[in-house]
Amino acid sequence: MLKRFLCSFFILITLNGCASSGGMEGEKPPENFVQIGNEKYETILGTYCWKNKNKGICVDTAGPVELLEGKSPIQVKPGQEITFVMNFEPQPNKIHLIQMNGDVETELTVKANRFTAPTQKGIYFYSYGVWWMDDKESNVSNGDAFYAFALEVQ
């Protein structure tokens, strides 16, 4: 019971001046979807830092496996193409995708918002990290978000 509580517990931290002036639209990062063929599937928003106007907020959540507990993975065919879809401008300009299968974590390459499903059957968990890096100041992020989803290769 305590473990479940700790896994679902999140911390809110309010930051002032965490990034350059301005900010992103909305109170939190935009929704992100994975598209397989003609079907779109929601991902789960996990940890993020977001600056809206002059107020910033960071939320820390459990990892992808815990966030997806009790949810059904998305059914895919071996090697099927998966596309990330985010209806938001500006688009993130830095991305990072981690695939988890048991104790094995693998960094995957994403090109043109696409990657391919594994060829081996099984359930795979993913952490899709995106950043909106500032165009004028190096190493300054105007927002970041991690999205979780799972695929079941049949």
Protein backbone atom coordinates (compact mmCIF):
# COMPACT_ATOMS: atom_id res chain seq x y z
CA MET A 1 0.00 0.00 0.00
CA LEU A 2 2.79 2.43 0.88
CA LYS A 3 4.59 1.62 -2.39
CA ARG A 4 1.44 2.34 -4.40
CA PHE A 5 1.03 5.64 -2.54
CA LEU A 6 4.64 6.65 -3.18
CA CYS A 7 4.43 5.67 -6.86
CA SER A 8 1.35 7.79 -7.42
CA PHE A 9 2.55 10.70 -5.29
CA PHE A 10 3.78 13.72 -7.18
CA ILE A 11 5.50 16.89 -6.12
CA LEU A 12 4.55 20.34 -7.32
CA ILE A 13 7.25 22.97 -7.31
CA THR A 14 6.61 26.54 -8.35
CA LEU A 15 9.54 28.19 -10.05
CA ASN A 16 9.97 31.86 -10.80
CA GLY A 17 12.25 32.88 -13.63
CA CYS A 18 13.26 29.31 -14.54
CA ALA A 19 13.56 30.17 -18.21
CA SER A 20 13.82 33.20 -20.42
CA SER A 21 11.00 35.71 -20.61
CA GLY A 22 7.85 34.77 -22.43
CA GLY A 23 6.53 31.26 -22.03
CA MET A 24 4.44 28.60 -23.60
CA GLU A 25 0.68 28.45 -24.10
CA GLY A 26 -1.47 26.54 -21.64
CA GLU A 27 -1.15 25.53 -18.01
CA LYS A 28 0.78 22.35 -18.80
CA PRO A 29 2.44 20.67 -21.78
CA PRO A 30 0.24 19.71 -24.73
CA GLU A 31 -1.25 16.28 -25.32
CA ASN A 32 0.88 13.85 -27.27
CA PHE A 33 -0.40 10.90 -29.29
CA VAL A 34 1.09 7.90 -31.01
CA GLN A 35 -0.40 7.09 -34.39
CA ILE A 36 -0.34 3.60 -35.84
CA GLY A 37 -1.88 3.38 -39.28
CA ASN A 38 -5.02 5.53 -39.12
CA GLU A 39 -5.51 5.12 -35.35
CA LYS A 40 -4.35 7.68 -32.76
CA TYR A 41 -3.70 6.68 -29.14
CA GLU A 42 -3.24 8.95 -26.12
CA THR A 43 -0.03 8.89 -24.13
CA ILE A 44 0.14 9.65 -20.39
CA LEU A 45 1.79 12.91 -19.33
CA GLY A 46 4.40 12.22 -16.68
CA THR A 47 7.08 14.49 -15.23
CA TYR A 48 7.25 17.98 -16.71
CA CYS A 49 8.40 21.58 -16.23
CA TRP A 50 6.32 24.23 -17.93
CA LYS A 51 6.53 27.98 -18.05
CA ASN A 52 3.37 29.96 -18.76
CA LYS A 53 3.88 33.72 -18.91
CA ASN A 54 6.11 34.52 -15.90
CA LYS A 55 5.13 31.54 -13.78
CA GLY A 56 6.79 28.14 -13.99
CA ILE A 57 5.78 24.82 -12.51
CA CYS A 58 7.47 21.44 -12.30
CA VAL A 59 5.61 18.20 -11.62
CA ASP A 60 7.43 14.99 -10.75
CA THR A 61 5.56 11.70 -11.24
CA ALA A 62 6.26 7.99 -11.16
CA GLY A 63 7.99 6.35 -14.14
CA PRO A 64 6.28 4.89 -17.22
CA VAL A 65 5.70 1.41 -15.82
CA GLU A 66 3.96 2.76 -12.71
CA LEU A 67 2.01 5.43 -14.65
CA LEU A 68 0.65 2.77 -17.00
CA GLU A 69 -0.30 0.26 -14.29
CA GLY A 70 -3.75 -1.16 -15.06
CA LYS A 71 -3.85 0.28 -18.58
CA SER A 72 -3.87 -1.92 -21.69
CA PRO A 73 -0.88 -1.60 -24.02
CA ILE A 74 -1.38 -0.57 -27.64
CA GLN A 75 -1.46 -3.63 -29.93
CA VAL A 76 1.07 -3.51 -32.79
CA LYS A 77 2.60 -5.81 -35.38
CA PRO A 78 6.34 -6.55 -35.33
CA GLY A 79 8.30 -3.72 -36.98
CA GLN A 80 5.22 -1.53 -37.45
CA GLU A 81 5.84 2.21 -37.87
CA ILE A 82 4.76 4.46 -34.98
CA THR A 83 4.39 8.22 -35.40
CA PHE A 84 4.31 10.86 -32.65
CA VAL A 85 1.59 13.49 -33.13
CA MET A 86 1.49 16.73 -31.14
CA ASN A 87 -0.91 19.44 -32.29
CA PHE A 88 1.03 22.32 -30.77
CA GLU A 89 3.25 25.15 -31.95
CA PRO A 90 6.09 25.47 -31.52
CA GLN A 91 7.00 21.80 -31.81
CA PRO A 92 9.63 20.55 -29.34
CA ASN A 93 13.13 20.87 -30.77
CA LYS A 94 14.85 18.18 -28.69
CA ILE A 95 13.56 14.61 -28.16
CA HIS A 96 14.64 11.44 -26.41
CA LEU A 97 12.95 8.01 -26.56
CA ILE A 98 13.68 5.17 -24.13
CA GLN A 99 12.25 1.65 -24.57
CA MET A 100 11.97 -0.58 -21.48
CA ASN A 101 11.53 -4.35 -21.60
CA GLY A 102 12.06 -5.98 -18.22
CA ASP A 103 15.36 -4.68 -16.84
CA VAL A 104 16.65 -3.66 -20.28
CA GLU A 105 16.50 0.01 -21.31
CA THR A 106 17.33 0.99 -24.88
CA GLU A 107 17.61 4.46 -26.37
CA LEU A 108 15.85 4.58 -29.74
CA THR A 109 16.32 6.87 -32.69
CA VAL A 110 13.34 8.95 -33.76
CA LYS A 111 13.42 10.41 -37.28
CA ALA A 112 10.68 12.67 -38.64
CA ASN A 113 8.63 11.90 -35.48
CA ARG A 114 8.71 8.15 -36.28
CA PHE A 115 10.20 4.95 -34.95
CA THR A 116 9.48 1.26 -35.50
CA ALA A 117 8.04 -1.25 -33.07
CA PRO A 118 10.27 -4.10 -31.92
CA THR A 119 10.26 -7.30 -33.96
CA GLN A 120 10.13 -9.62 -30.94
CA LYS A 121 6.78 -10.36 -29.27
CA GLY A 122 6.22 -8.86 -25.83
CA ILE A 123 5.17 -5.77 -23.91
CA TYR A 124 7.41 -2.72 -24.15
CA PHE A 125 7.15 0.47 -22.07
CA TYR A 126 8.29 3.84 -23.41
CA SER A 127 9.37 7.20 -22.04
CA TYR A 128 9.18 9.91 -24.69
CA GLY A 129 10.96 13.04 -23.48
CA VAL A 130 10.63 16.34 -25.32
CA TRP A 131 12.14 19.79 -24.74
CA TRP A 132 11.38 23.23 -26.05
CA MET A 133 14.90 24.65 -26.03
CA ASP A 134 15.27 28.42 -26.22
CA ASP A 135 16.36 29.71 -29.64
CA LYS A 136 18.33 32.63 -28.19
CA GLU A 137 19.92 31.26 -25.02
CA SER A 138 21.88 28.00 -25.18
CA ASN A 139 21.05 25.32 -22.62
CA VAL A 140 17.83 27.07 -21.56
CA SER A 141 14.59 25.11 -21.74
CA ASN A 142 11.24 26.86 -22.01
CA GLY A 143 9.49 23.62 -21.14
CA ASP A 144 9.91 19.87 -21.09
CA ALA A 145 7.65 16.87 -20.76
CA PHE A 146 7.86 13.11 -20.51
CA TYR A 147 5.07 10.99 -21.97
CA ALA A 148 4.50 7.31 -21.21
CA PHE A 149 2.93 4.60 -23.36
CA ALA A 150 3.21 0.85 -23.84
CA LEU A 151 3.16 -1.35 -26.91
CA GLU A 152 2.35 -5.04 -27.12
CA VAL A 153 3.98 -6.66 -30.11
CA GLN A 154 1.86 -9.64 -31.22
